[in-house]
Amino acid sequence: MNMAMMVTRRLLHAFLLILAVLILNFLLIHLAPGDPADVIAGEMGGATEEMMADIRKNYGLDKPVYVQLGIYLGRALQGDLGQSFFYNSPVLGLVAGRAGATILLVTTALLFAIFVGTLLGVIASHKPKGIVSGLVTLVSVVGYSAPIFWTGMMLVILFAWVYPIFPIANMSDITKDAGFFGHILDILHHLILPALTLGIVYLAQYARLTRASMLEILGSDYIRTARAKGVSEIKVYGHHALRNAILPVVTIAGLQFGSIISGAVLVETVFSWPGLGTLAFEAILARDYPTILGILFFSSVLVIIANLLTDFVYRLVDPRIRAGG
């Protein structure tokens, strides 16, 4: 199968999957108990039966679920995700305005977890029974076992109270006017604690996975042959062993992208990070169906794109897949 055919098939599968996600999310949200018209009326300070009927009519809530689903799918495929009940503004604009902050947080946390976790795994595999390997294993177990919100609170106590180094809320300091580069540095300063909180859990997994993969590969025949030929240990680890040991990490990173986004909801809530997580939290409390559906749709698209990119990266890293088509 050539590259063009593979890309076409993957894009077709992605489109069908997005369509299925739209339908499933819509049905699950609308089958949940409660009436969003009551929330809208509550924001107005109460409403009579006539006003409640008008609210349902204006927002299309008086129609059967299957009719609402058809209307929603038709609009969603045209890029219209509806009107927010709570914010009274287009959902697409709300999601687009918050998506950048979430993508920045998730991408930074994932890259940090992959690079640092892989490095720790390689270091631990050098002397598997040594002190360093034991410390890496201990840190990995603790990091993986600790809940995300607990890790966030511990980092807040350590780096914002005991040692006040990093800010603990928002994405930037609006009181500062330091120009473009100063603003970028301010965002990065605010990003450190949330990204560290989100990345520690996955860093622990990648460290243990890399360590196990490296130990298995270092015992292979071709590694012994390379050493017998006088190849340096740096080249054995970096070129021969790590290139194969990184494959499981790439696979797991792609599969875990969805869980990283869900973990971002907790992290954004703890650090008041203005992303999709805080928007989802507010929308759930307000029973804002269109906004919740828009966030779920966008998150699903991100996960699908991440899986597609994982497939392409896998083909680049593993020459056997390229050779086998």
Protein backbone atom coordinates (compact mmCIF):
# COMPACT_ATOMS: atom_id res chain seq x y z
CA MET A 1 0.00 0.00 0.00
CA ASN A 2 1.49 3.35 -1.02
CA MET A 3 1.45 6.44 1.14
CA ALA A 4 -1.40 8.17 -0.74
CA MET A 5 -3.74 5.21 -0.33
CA MET A 6 -2.86 4.88 3.34
CA VAL A 7 -3.52 8.57 4.00
CA THR A 8 -6.85 8.40 2.14
CA ARG A 9 -7.98 5.37 4.12
CA ARG A 10 -6.95 6.89 7.44
CA LEU A 11 -8.73 10.16 6.67
CA LEU A 12 -11.90 8.29 5.68
CA HIS A 13 -11.79 6.28 8.88
CA ALA A 14 -11.20 9.48 10.85
CA PHE A 15 -14.24 11.15 9.26
CA LEU A 16 -16.48 8.15 10.06
CA LEU A 17 -15.15 8.06 13.61
CA ILE A 18 -15.83 11.78 14.11
CA LEU A 19 -19.38 11.28 12.82
CA ALA A 20 -19.90 8.40 15.26
CA VAL A 21 -18.50 10.51 18.10
CA LEU A 22 -20.91 13.34 17.27
CA ILE A 23 -23.91 11.02 17.36
CA LEU A 24 -22.85 9.17 20.52
CA ASN A 25 -22.01 12.33 22.45
CA PHE A 26 -25.30 13.95 21.47
CA LEU A 27 -27.38 10.95 22.56
CA LEU A 28 -25.52 10.49 25.85
CA ILE A 29 -25.84 14.16 26.80
CA HIS A 30 -29.54 14.37 25.93
CA LEU A 31 -30.40 11.11 27.68
CA ALA A 32 -28.95 12.45 30.93
CA PRO A 33 -31.57 13.61 33.49
CA GLY A 34 -32.35 17.30 33.80
CA ASP A 35 -33.66 20.10 31.63
CA PRO A 36 -31.35 22.88 30.40
CA ALA A 37 -34.41 25.14 30.11
CA ASP A 38 -34.59 25.14 33.93
CA VAL A 39 -30.97 26.38 34.10
CA ILE A 40 -31.65 29.11 31.54
CA ALA A 41 -34.76 30.16 33.45
CA GLY A 42 -32.78 30.16 36.69
CA GLU A 43 -30.26 32.58 35.19
CA MET A 44 -33.21 34.85 34.36
CA GLY A 45 -34.45 34.74 37.95
CA GLY A 46 -37.34 32.37 37.24
CA ALA A 47 -39.92 32.00 34.48
CA THR A 48 -43.58 31.18 33.96
CA GLU A 49 -44.81 28.16 31.99
CA GLU A 50 -45.27 30.35 28.93
CA MET A 51 -41.72 31.65 29.20
CA MET A 52 -40.40 28.12 29.66
CA ALA A 53 -42.22 27.08 26.48
CA ASP A 54 -40.68 30.02 24.63
CA ILE A 55 -37.19 29.09 25.91
CA ARG A 56 -37.56 25.51 24.70
CA LYS A 57 -38.84 26.72 21.33
CA ASN A 58 -36.07 29.27 20.85
CA TYR A 59 -33.34 26.73 21.61
CA GLY A 60 -35.02 23.87 19.75
CA LEU A 61 -35.57 21.86 22.92
CA ASP A 62 -39.25 21.30 22.12
CA LYS A 63 -38.44 19.01 19.19
CA PRO A 64 -37.95 15.22 19.45
CA VAL A 65 -34.40 14.05 20.14
CA TYR A 66 -33.93 12.52 16.69
CA VAL A 67 -34.97 15.81 15.05
CA GLN A 68 -32.54 17.73 17.26
CA LEU A 69 -29.84 15.21 16.33
CA GLY A 70 -30.43 15.69 12.61
CA ILE A 71 -30.31 19.47 12.93
CA TYR A 72 -27.16 19.28 15.06
CA LEU A 73 -25.32 16.97 12.64
CA GLY A 74 -26.24 19.14 9.66
CA ARG A 75 -24.92 22.26 11.36
CA ALA A 76 -21.84 20.56 12.83
CA LEU A 77 -20.73 19.28 9.42
CA GLN A 78 -20.90 22.90 8.24
CA GLY A 79 -18.79 24.11 11.16
CA ASP A 80 -21.67 25.43 13.28
CA LEU A 81 -21.60 23.89 16.79
CA GLY A 82 -24.63 25.84 17.98
CA GLN A 83 -25.27 28.59 20.49
CA SER A 84 -24.24 28.35 24.12
CA PHE A 85 -27.15 28.36 26.58
CA PHE A 86 -25.06 29.79 29.41
CA TYR A 87 -22.70 32.20 27.63
CA ASN A 88 -25.21 33.16 24.90
CA SER A 89 -22.50 33.11 22.23
CA PRO A 90 -21.42 30.71 19.44
CA VAL A 91 -19.87 27.52 20.80
CA LEU A 92 -17.25 27.47 18.05
CA GLY A 93 -15.92 30.84 19.22
CA LEU A 94 -15.86 29.73 22.85
CA VAL A 95 -13.99 26.52 22.05
CA ALA A 96 -11.57 28.25 19.66
CA GLY A 97 -10.82 30.89 22.29
CA ARG A 98 -9.89 28.29 24.91
CA ALA A 99 -8.36 25.58 22.69
CA GLY A 100 -4.94 27.24 22.38
CA ALA A 101 -4.34 27.20 26.13
CA THR A 102 -5.27 23.51 26.41
CA ILE A 103 -3.18 22.48 23.40
CA LEU A 104 -0.18 24.37 24.84
CA LEU A 105 -0.59 22.69 28.23
CA VAL A 106 -1.15 19.17 26.89
CA THR A 107 1.64 19.36 24.29
CA THR A 108 4.17 20.71 26.78
CA ALA A 109 3.27 18.08 29.38
CA LEU A 110 3.44 15.26 26.82
CA LEU A 111 6.81 16.33 25.39
CA PHE A 112 8.22 16.77 28.90
CA ALA A 113 6.96 13.31 29.91
CA ILE A 114 8.34 11.60 26.79
CA PHE A 115 11.79 13.18 26.81
CA VAL A 116 12.46 13.08 30.56
CA GLY A 117 10.78 9.69 31.02
CA THR A 118 12.77 8.15 28.17
CA LEU A 119 16.00 9.63 29.52
CA LEU A 120 15.34 8.27 33.00
CA GLY A 121 14.48 4.87 31.55
CA VAL A 122 17.74 4.74 29.60
CA ILE A 123 19.74 5.77 32.67
CA ALA A 124 17.99 3.13 34.80
CA SER A 125 18.70 0.40 32.23
CA HIS A 126 22.46 1.03 32.30
CA LYS A 127 22.83 -0.59 35.72
CA PRO A 128 19.46 -2.25 36.43
CA LYS A 129 20.48 -3.29 39.96
CA GLY A 130 22.20 -0.04 40.87
CA ILE A 131 21.10 2.77 43.15
CA VAL A 132 20.14 5.10 40.28
CA SER A 133 17.89 2.45 38.74
CA GLY A 134 16.24 1.87 42.11
CA LEU A 135 15.63 5.60 42.58
CA VAL A 136 14.14 5.91 39.09
CA THR A 137 11.84 2.97 39.78
CA LEU A 138 10.79 4.44 43.14
CA VAL A 139 10.08 7.86 41.66
CA SER A 140 8.17 6.24 38.80
CA VAL A 141 5.95 4.23 41.13
CA VAL A 142 5.22 7.25 43.35
CA GLY A 143 4.56 9.52 40.37
CA TYR A 144 2.25 7.01 38.72
CA SER A 145 0.33 6.24 41.93
CA ALA A 146 -0.27 9.82 43.04
CA PRO A 147 -3.55 11.42 41.84
CA ILE A 148 -3.12 14.39 39.55
CA PHE A 149 -4.93 16.83 41.83
CA TRP A 150 -2.78 15.73 44.82
CA THR A 151 0.40 16.20 42.80
CA GLY A 152 -0.81 19.66 41.79
CA MET A 153 -1.54 20.67 45.37
CA MET A 154 1.86 19.40 46.57
CA LEU A 155 3.63 21.41 43.86
CA VAL A 156 1.59 24.47 44.78
CA ILE A 157 2.57 24.13 48.44
CA LEU A 158 6.25 23.56 47.59
CA PHE A 159 6.82 26.10 44.81
CA ALA A 160 4.23 28.75 45.60
CA TRP A 161 4.19 28.81 49.39
CA VAL A 162 7.37 27.28 50.84
CA TYR A 163 9.50 28.51 47.93
CA PRO A 164 7.43 31.14 46.09
CA ILE A 165 8.99 30.69 42.66
CA PHE A 166 6.08 30.08 40.29
CA PRO A 167 2.59 31.58 39.98
CA ILE A 168 -0.34 29.25 40.70
CA ALA A 169 -3.24 30.79 38.78
CA ASN A 170 -4.16 32.02 35.31
CA MET A 171 -2.09 31.92 32.13
CA SER A 172 -0.40 35.30 32.44
CA ASP A 173 -0.19 38.37 34.64
CA ILE A 174 -2.46 41.01 33.08
CA THR A 175 -0.93 43.71 35.29
CA LYS A 176 2.42 43.41 33.49
CA ASP A 177 3.19 45.15 30.21
CA ALA A 178 6.57 43.77 29.17
CA GLY A 179 6.13 43.63 25.39
CA PHE A 180 5.77 40.58 23.16
CA PHE A 181 8.77 38.56 24.39
CA GLY A 182 8.06 39.48 27.99
CA HIS A 183 4.50 38.23 27.54
CA ILE A 184 5.79 34.92 26.10
CA LEU A 185 8.14 34.46 29.05
CA ASP A 186 5.32 35.26 31.44
CA ILE A 187 3.12 32.56 29.85
CA LEU A 188 5.97 30.04 30.10
CA HIS A 189 6.46 31.00 33.75
CA HIS A 190 2.78 30.31 34.46
CA LEU A 191 2.92 27.09 32.40
CA ILE A 192 5.62 25.32 34.41
CA LEU A 193 3.56 24.09 37.37
CA PRO A 194 0.47 22.92 35.39
CA ALA A 195 2.61 21.15 32.78
CA LEU A 196 4.77 19.56 35.48
CA THR A 197 1.68 18.36 37.33
CA LEU A 198 0.16 16.81 34.22
CA GLY A 199 3.43 15.39 32.92
CA ILE A 200 4.68 13.66 36.09
CA VAL A 201 2.10 10.85 35.91
CA TYR A 202 2.94 9.99 32.30
CA LEU A 203 6.66 10.54 32.82
CA ALA A 204 6.60 7.72 35.35
CA GLN A 205 4.96 5.35 32.86
CA TYR A 206 7.38 6.19 30.05
CA ALA A 207 10.39 5.79 32.36
CA ARG A 208 9.33 2.29 33.42
CA LEU A 209 8.37 1.31 29.88
CA THR A 210 11.67 2.54 28.44
CA ARG A 211 13.64 0.78 31.16
CA ALA A 212 11.89 -2.54 30.48
CA SER A 213 12.27 -2.19 26.70
CA MET A 214 15.95 -1.25 26.96
CA LEU A 215 16.72 -4.21 29.22
CA GLU A 216 15.05 -6.56 26.78
CA ILE A 217 16.82 -5.12 23.74
CA LEU A 218 20.23 -4.91 25.43
CA GLY A 219 20.10 -8.66 25.81
CA SER A 220 19.52 -9.23 22.09
CA ASP A 221 22.01 -10.93 19.80
CA TYR A 222 22.59 -7.90 17.57
CA ILE A 223 23.55 -5.81 20.61
CA ARG A 224 26.12 -8.42 21.64
CA THR A 225 27.40 -8.48 18.06
CA ALA A 226 27.75 -4.70 18.00
CA ARG A 227 29.70 -4.77 21.25
CA ALA A 228 31.90 -7.60 19.94
CA LYS A 229 32.75 -5.44 16.92
CA GLY A 230 33.99 -2.70 19.25
CA VAL A 231 31.07 -0.29 18.88
CA SER A 232 31.11 2.31 21.66
CA GLU A 233 28.54 2.09 24.46
CA ILE A 234 27.13 5.50 23.54
CA LYS A 235 26.40 4.29 20.01
CA VAL A 236 25.05 0.97 21.28
CA TYR A 237 22.61 2.74 23.58
CA GLY A 238 21.75 5.68 21.35
CA HIS A 239 21.69 4.21 17.86
CA HIS A 240 20.98 0.50 18.26
CA ALA A 241 19.02 0.03 21.49
CA LEU A 242 17.12 3.29 22.03
CA ARG A 243 15.80 3.44 18.46
CA ASN A 244 13.96 0.16 19.02
CA ALA A 245 13.09 0.78 22.68
CA ILE A 246 11.33 4.05 21.81
CA LEU A 247 8.68 2.29 19.70
CA PRO A 248 6.47 1.22 22.65
CA VAL A 249 6.74 4.73 24.10
CA VAL A 250 5.52 6.27 20.83
CA THR A 251 2.61 3.83 20.72
CA ILE A 252 1.54 4.44 24.30
CA ALA A 253 1.92 8.22 23.93
CA GLY A 254 -0.50 8.23 21.00
CA LEU A 255 -3.01 6.00 22.77
CA GLN A 256 -2.85 8.04 25.97
CA PHE A 257 -3.46 11.40 24.34
CA GLY A 258 -7.15 11.20 25.23
CA SER A 259 -6.42 10.50 28.90
CA ILE A 260 -3.97 13.41 28.95
CA ILE A 261 -6.73 15.73 27.75
CA SER A 262 -9.07 14.40 30.44
CA GLY A 263 -6.34 14.91 33.02
CA ALA A 264 -5.97 18.48 31.80
CA VAL A 265 -9.50 19.17 33.08
CA LEU A 266 -8.36 18.58 36.67
CA VAL A 267 -5.09 20.46 36.21
CA GLU A 268 -6.79 23.47 34.65
CA THR A 269 -9.30 23.54 37.51
CA VAL A 270 -6.55 23.42 40.15
CA PHE A 271 -4.46 26.16 38.51
CA SER A 272 -7.32 28.22 37.01
CA TRP A 273 -5.76 27.65 33.59
CA PRO A 274 -8.09 29.27 31.01
CA GLY A 275 -8.47 26.26 28.73
CA LEU A 276 -11.14 23.80 27.67
CA GLY A 277 -11.00 22.08 31.06
CA THR A 278 -12.29 25.07 33.00
CA LEU A 279 -14.80 25.77 30.23
CA ALA A 280 -16.06 22.17 30.45
CA PHE A 281 -16.34 22.42 34.23
CA GLU A 282 -18.43 25.59 33.99
CA ALA A 283 -20.57 24.16 31.17
CA ILE A 284 -21.31 20.97 33.12
CA LEU A 285 -22.43 22.94 36.17
CA ALA A 286 -24.70 25.05 33.93
CA ARG A 287 -25.96 22.04 31.90
CA ASP A 288 -24.87 23.91 28.78
CA TYR A 289 -25.41 21.08 26.27
CA PRO A 290 -24.06 22.80 23.14
CA THR A 291 -20.84 23.87 24.87
CA ILE A 292 -20.27 20.41 26.36
CA LEU A 293 -20.85 18.82 22.96
CA GLY A 294 -18.48 21.30 21.32
CA ILE A 295 -15.72 20.52 23.83
CA LEU A 296 -16.22 16.77 23.44
CA PHE A 297 -16.16 17.12 19.66
CA PHE A 298 -12.96 19.17 19.66
CA SER A 299 -11.28 16.81 22.14
CA SER A 300 -12.22 13.83 19.98
CA VAL A 301 -10.74 15.50 16.91
CA LEU A 302 -7.50 16.14 18.80
CA VAL A 303 -7.28 12.50 19.85
CA ILE A 304 -7.92 11.28 16.30
CA ILE A 305 -5.27 13.64 14.90
CA ALA A 306 -2.82 12.46 17.58
CA ASN A 307 -3.41 8.83 16.61
CA LEU A 308 -2.87 9.64 12.92
CA LEU A 309 0.38 11.44 13.73
CA THR A 310 1.44 8.47 15.87
CA ASP A 311 1.02 6.17 12.89
CA PHE A 312 3.19 8.40 10.72
CA VAL A 313 5.85 8.80 13.41
CA TYR A 314 5.87 5.02 13.86
CA ARG A 315 6.58 4.58 10.16
CA LEU A 316 9.45 7.08 10.38
CA VAL A 317 11.01 5.49 13.46
CA ASP A 318 10.62 1.84 12.47
CA PRO A 319 12.15 1.07 9.04
CA ARG A 320 10.53 -2.39 9.05
CA ILE A 321 7.07 -0.81 8.65
CA ARG A 322 8.25 1.31 5.72
CA ALA A 323 9.85 -1.71 4.08
CA GLY A 324 6.73 -3.80 4.59
CA GLY A 325 4.39 -1.13 3.21
